Amino acid sequence: MPEPKEQVFSYIEEHRDEMVRFLQRLVRIDTQVPPGLNYEVICDALAEKFTEL
């Protein structure tokens, strides 16, 4: 059985494209000042991902 570190690296490699797409989606959401701008949009994006996990 692979060590935990190897398992993590393997998971990252296998899901790299998916993770990059998710991060691209997050950084496209304009959450600059004033605080709260697009707050619901970023929360929805994160909630969707957390639900998948």
PDB file of N, CA and C in Angstrom:
ATOM      1  N   MET A   1       0.851  -1.182   0.000  1.00  0.00           N
ATOM      2  CA  MET A   1       0.000   0.000   0.000  1.00  0.00           C
ATOM      3  C   MET A   1       0.891   1.238   0.000  1.00  0.00           C
ATOM      4  N   PRO A   2       0.585   2.191  -0.871  1.00  0.00           N
ATOM      5  CA  PRO A   2       1.405   3.404  -0.935  1.00  0.00           C
ATOM      6  C   PRO A   2       1.291   4.227   0.346  1.00  0.00           C
ATOM      7  N   GLU A   3       2.339   4.963   0.625  1.00  0.00           N
ATOM      8  CA  GLU A   3       2.336   5.838   1.794  1.00  0.00           C
ATOM      9  C   GLU A   3       1.360   6.987   1.560  1.00  0.00           C
ATOM     10  N   PRO A   4       0.856   7.582   2.644  1.00  0.00           N
ATOM     11  CA  PRO A   4      -0.109   8.680   2.500  1.00  0.00           C
ATOM     12  C   PRO A   4       0.377   9.812   1.592  1.00  0.00           C
ATOM     13  N   LYS A   5       1.640  10.158   1.699  1.00  0.00           N
ATOM     14  CA  LYS A   5       2.185  11.231   0.864  1.00  0.00           C
ATOM     15  C   LYS A   5       2.070  10.864  -0.615  1.00  0.00           C
ATOM     16  N   GLU A   6       2.389   9.632  -0.945  1.00  0.00           N
ATOM     17  CA  GLU A   6       2.289   9.167  -2.330  1.00  0.00           C
ATOM     18  C   GLU A   6       0.835   9.148  -2.792  1.00  0.00           C
ATOM     19  N   GLN A   7      -0.077   8.779  -1.898  1.00  0.00           N
ATOM     20  CA  GLN A   7      -1.502   8.767  -2.236  1.00  0.00           C
ATOM     21  C   GLN A   7      -1.995  10.179  -2.552  1.00  0.00           C
ATOM     22  N   VAL A   8      -1.548  11.147  -1.768  1.00  0.00           N
ATOM     23  CA  VAL A   8      -1.944  12.541  -1.995  1.00  0.00           C
ATOM     24  C   VAL A   8      -1.434  13.011  -3.346  1.00  0.00           C
ATOM     25  N   PHE A   9      -0.165  12.777  -3.624  1.00  0.00           N
ATOM     26  CA  PHE A   9       0.405  13.199  -4.903  1.00  0.00           C
ATOM     27  C   PHE A   9      -0.287  12.505  -6.076  1.00  0.00           C
ATOM     28  N   SER A  10      -0.618  11.259  -5.907  1.00  0.00           N
ATOM     29  CA  SER A  10      -1.312  10.515  -6.954  1.00  0.00           C
ATOM     30  C   SER A  10      -2.702  11.105  -7.197  1.00  0.00           C
ATOM     31  N   TYR A  11      -3.411  11.409  -6.117  1.00  0.00           N
ATOM     32  CA  TYR A  11      -4.743  12.015  -6.247  1.00  0.00           C
ATOM     33  C   TYR A  11      -4.656  13.354  -6.970  1.00  0.00           C
ATOM     34  N   ILE A  12      -3.691  14.164  -6.582  1.00  0.00           N
ATOM     35  CA  ILE A  12      -3.518  15.477  -7.213  1.00  0.00           C
ATOM     36  C   ILE A  12      -3.262  15.317  -8.705  1.00  0.00           C
ATOM     37  N   GLU A  13      -2.393  14.407  -9.056  1.00  0.00           N
ATOM     38  CA  GLU A  13      -2.076  14.193 -10.468  1.00  0.00           C
ATOM     39  C   GLU A  13      -3.306  13.715 -11.248  1.00  0.00           C
ATOM     40  N   GLU A  14      -4.069  12.820 -10.656  1.00  0.00           N
ATOM     41  CA  GLU A  14      -5.252  12.276 -11.328  1.00  0.00           C
ATOM     42  C   GLU A  14      -6.365  13.318 -11.487  1.00  0.00           C
ATOM     43  N   HIS A  15      -6.423  14.289 -10.599  1.00  0.00           N
ATOM     44  CA  HIS A  15      -7.505  15.279 -10.597  1.00  0.00           C
ATOM     45  C   HIS A  15      -7.023  16.687 -10.934  1.00  0.00           C
ATOM     46  N   ARG A  16      -5.845  16.775 -11.462  1.00  0.00           N
ATOM     47  CA  ARG A  16      -5.221  18.076 -11.740  1.00  0.00           C
ATOM     48  C   ARG A  16      -6.107  18.997 -12.588  1.00  0.00           C
ATOM     49  N   ASP A  17      -6.595  18.501 -13.708  1.00  0.00           N
ATOM     50  CA  ASP A  17      -7.406  19.333 -14.606  1.00  0.00           C
ATOM     51  C   ASP A  17      -8.670  19.836 -13.913  1.00  0.00           C
ATOM     52  N   GLU A  18      -9.317  18.956 -13.181  1.00  0.00           N
ATOM     53  CA  GLU A  18     -10.534  19.331 -12.453  1.00  0.00           C
ATOM     54  C   GLU A  18     -10.228  20.416 -11.419  1.00  0.00           C
ATOM     55  N   MET A  19      -9.132  20.265 -10.694  1.00  0.00           N
ATOM     56  CA  MET A  19      -8.763  21.246  -9.674  1.00  0.00           C
ATOM     57  C   MET A  19      -8.402  22.591 -10.295  1.00  0.00           C
ATOM     58  N   VAL A  20      -7.710  22.560 -11.416  1.00  0.00           N
ATOM     59  CA  VAL A  20      -7.357  23.806 -12.106  1.00  0.00           C
ATOM     60  C   VAL A  20      -8.617  24.519 -12.578  1.00  0.00           C
ATOM     61  N   ARG A  21      -9.558  23.779 -13.151  1.00  0.00           N
ATOM     62  CA  ARG A  21     -10.820  24.396 -13.599  1.00  0.00           C
ATOM     63  C   ARG A  21     -11.570  25.028 -12.427  1.00  0.00           C
ATOM     64  N   PHE A  22     -11.592  24.336 -11.295  1.00  0.00           N
ATOM     65  CA  PHE A  22     -12.275  24.866 -10.115  1.00  0.00           C
ATOM     66  C   PHE A  22     -11.594  26.144  -9.627  1.00  0.00           C
ATOM     67  N   LEU A  23     -10.283  26.139  -9.541  1.00  0.00           N
ATOM     68  CA  LEU A  23      -9.562  27.333  -9.097  1.00  0.00           C
ATOM     69  C   LEU A  23      -9.733  28.486 -10.075  1.00  0.00           C
ATOM     70  N   GLN A  24      -9.752  28.188 -11.370  1.00  0.00           N
ATOM     71  CA  GLN A  24      -9.993  29.237 -12.363  1.00  0.00           C
ATOM     72  C   GLN A  24     -11.375  29.847 -12.158  1.00  0.00           C
ATOM     73  N   ARG A  25     -12.338  28.994 -11.878  1.00  0.00           N
ATOM     74  CA  ARG A  25     -13.701  29.486 -11.627  1.00  0.00           C
ATOM     75  C   ARG A  25     -13.718  30.406 -10.408  1.00  0.00           C
ATOM     76  N   LEU A  26     -13.010  30.024  -9.352  1.00  0.00           N
ATOM     77  CA  LEU A  26     -12.991  30.841  -8.136  1.00  0.00           C
ATOM     78  C   LEU A  26     -12.338  32.195  -8.365  1.00  0.00           C
ATOM     79  N   VAL A  27     -11.197  32.219  -9.033  1.00  0.00           N
ATOM     80  CA  VAL A  27     -10.493  33.498  -9.190  1.00  0.00           C
ATOM     81  C   VAL A  27     -11.199  34.422 -10.171  1.00  0.00           C
ATOM     82  N   ARG A  28     -12.106  33.892 -10.972  1.00  0.00           N
ATOM     83  CA  ARG A  28     -12.885  34.744 -11.880  1.00  0.00           C
ATOM     84  C   ARG A  28     -13.997  35.500 -11.151  1.00  0.00           C
ATOM     85  N   ILE A  29     -14.345  35.054  -9.962  1.00  0.00           N
ATOM     86  CA  ILE A  29     -15.415  35.707  -9.207  1.00  0.00           C
ATOM     87  C   ILE A  29     -14.853  36.969  -8.564  1.00  0.00           C
ATOM     88  N   ASP A  30     -15.450  38.091  -8.914  1.00  0.00           N
ATOM     89  CA  ASP A  30     -14.998  39.387  -8.410  1.00  0.00           C
ATOM     90  C   ASP A  30     -15.433  39.546  -6.957  1.00  0.00           C
ATOM     91  N   THR A  31     -14.499  39.373  -6.036  1.00  0.00           N
ATOM     92  CA  THR A  31     -14.803  39.491  -4.607  1.00  0.00           C
ATOM     93  C   THR A  31     -14.024  40.631  -3.968  1.00  0.00           C
ATOM     94  N   GLN A  32     -13.699  41.632  -4.755  1.00  0.00           N
ATOM     95  CA  GLN A  32     -12.945  42.763  -4.215  1.00  0.00           C
ATOM     96  C   GLN A  32     -13.822  43.623  -3.316  1.00  0.00           C
ATOM     97  N   VAL A  33     -13.243  44.683  -2.824  1.00  0.00           N
ATOM     98  CA  VAL A  33     -13.926  45.609  -1.949  1.00  0.00           C
ATOM     99  C   VAL A  33     -15.051  46.283  -2.727  1.00  0.00           C
ATOM    100  N   PRO A  34     -16.194  46.594  -2.213  1.00  0.00           N
ATOM    101  CA  PRO A  34     -16.559  46.528  -0.803  1.00  0.00           C
ATOM    102  C   PRO A  34     -16.826  45.090  -0.367  1.00  0.00           C
ATOM    103  N   PRO A  35     -16.571  44.840   0.899  1.00  0.00           N
ATOM    104  CA  PRO A  35     -16.815  43.489   1.410  1.00  0.00           C
ATOM    105  C   PRO A  35     -18.247  43.049   1.118  1.00  0.00           C
ATOM    106  N   GLY A  36     -18.371  41.821   0.753  1.00  0.00           N
ATOM    107  CA  GLY A  36     -19.690  41.276   0.468  1.00  0.00           C
ATOM    108  C   GLY A  36     -20.042  41.234  -1.006  1.00  0.00           C
ATOM    109  N   LEU A  37     -19.246  41.911  -1.840  1.00  0.00           N
ATOM    110  CA  LEU A  37     -19.509  41.897  -3.274  1.00  0.00           C
ATOM    111  C   LEU A  37     -19.378  40.469  -3.793  1.00  0.00           C
ATOM    112  N   ASN A  38     -20.428  39.954  -4.381  1.00  0.00           N
ATOM    113  CA  ASN A  38     -20.474  38.582  -4.917  1.00  0.00           C
ATOM    114  C   ASN A  38     -20.243  37.510  -3.857  1.00  0.00           C
ATOM    115  N   TYR A  39     -20.537  37.850  -2.623  1.00  0.00           N
ATOM    116  CA  TYR A  39     -20.354  36.904  -1.522  1.00  0.00           C
ATOM    117  C   TYR A  39     -21.147  35.614  -1.759  1.00  0.00           C
ATOM    118  N   GLU A  40     -22.389  35.751  -2.183  1.00  0.00           N
ATOM    119  CA  GLU A  40     -23.219  34.567  -2.419  1.00  0.00           C
ATOM    120  C   GLU A  40     -22.684  33.720  -3.564  1.00  0.00           C
ATOM    121  N   VAL A  41     -22.120  34.361  -4.568  1.00  0.00           N
ATOM    122  CA  VAL A  41     -21.581  33.630  -5.722  1.00  0.00           C
ATOM    123  C   VAL A  41     -20.418  32.748  -5.288  1.00  0.00           C
ATOM    124  N   ILE A  42     -19.483  33.317  -4.515  1.00  0.00           N
ATOM    125  CA  ILE A  42     -18.326  32.532  -4.072  1.00  0.00           C
ATOM    126  C   ILE A  42     -18.767  31.442  -3.092  1.00  0.00           C
ATOM    127  N   CYS A  43     -19.727  31.753  -2.225  1.00  0.00           N
ATOM    128  CA  CYS A  43     -20.235  30.748  -1.282  1.00  0.00           C
ATOM    129  C   CYS A  43     -20.894  29.586  -2.017  1.00  0.00           C
ATOM    130  N   ASP A  44     -21.665  29.898  -3.040  1.00  0.00           N
ATOM    131  CA  ASP A  44     -22.313  28.841  -3.821  1.00  0.00           C
ATOM    132  C   ASP A  44     -21.288  27.948  -4.513  1.00  0.00           C
ATOM    133  N   ALA A  45     -20.249  28.558  -5.069  1.00  0.00           N
ATOM    134  CA  ALA A  45     -19.205  27.783  -5.754  1.00  0.00           C
ATOM    135  C   ALA A  45     -18.488  26.865  -4.771  1.00  0.00           C
ATOM    136  N   LEU A  46     -18.176  27.390  -3.594  1.00  0.00           N
ATOM    137  CA  LEU A  46     -17.493  26.579  -2.589  1.00  0.00           C
ATOM    138  C   LEU A  46     -18.416  25.495  -2.030  1.00  0.00           C
ATOM    139  N   ALA A  47     -19.664  25.833  -1.779  1.00  0.00           N
ATOM    140  CA  ALA A  47     -20.615  24.850  -1.250  1.00  0.00           C
ATOM    141  C   ALA A  47     -20.800  23.691  -2.224  1.00  0.00           C
ATOM    142  N   GLU A  48     -20.865  24.019  -3.504  1.00  0.00           N
ATOM    143  CA  GLU A  48     -21.010  22.976  -4.521  1.00  0.00           C
ATOM    144  C   GLU A  48     -19.830  22.006  -4.469  1.00  0.00           C
ATOM    145  N   LYS A  49     -18.622  22.549  -4.363  1.00  0.00           N
ATOM    146  CA  LYS A  49     -17.426  21.699  -4.320  1.00  0.00           C
ATOM    147  C   LYS A  49     -17.379  20.892  -3.029  1.00  0.00           C
ATOM    148  N   PHE A  50     -17.692  21.527  -1.898  1.00  0.00           N
ATOM    149  CA  PHE A  50     -17.665  20.815  -0.620  1.00  0.00           C
ATOM    150  C   PHE A  50     -18.696  19.691  -0.590  1.00  0.00           C
ATOM    151  N   THR A  51     -19.830  19.898  -1.232  1.00  0.00           N
ATOM    152  CA  THR A  51     -20.853  18.859  -1.304  1.00  0.00           C
ATOM    153  C   THR A  51     -20.338  17.654  -2.090  1.00  0.00           C
ATOM    154  N   GLU A  52     -19.577  17.922  -3.143  1.00  0.00           N
ATOM    155  CA  GLU A  52     -18.993  16.830  -3.935  1.00  0.00           C
ATOM    156  C   GLU A  52     -18.027  16.000  -3.104  1.00  0.00           C
ATOM    157  N   LEU A  53     -17.300  16.662  -2.209  1.00  0.00           N
ATOM    158  CA  LEU A  53     -16.310  15.956  -1.402  1.00  0.00           C
ATOM    159  C   LEU A  53     -16.995  15.078  -0.379  1.00  0.00           C
TER     160      LEU A  53
END
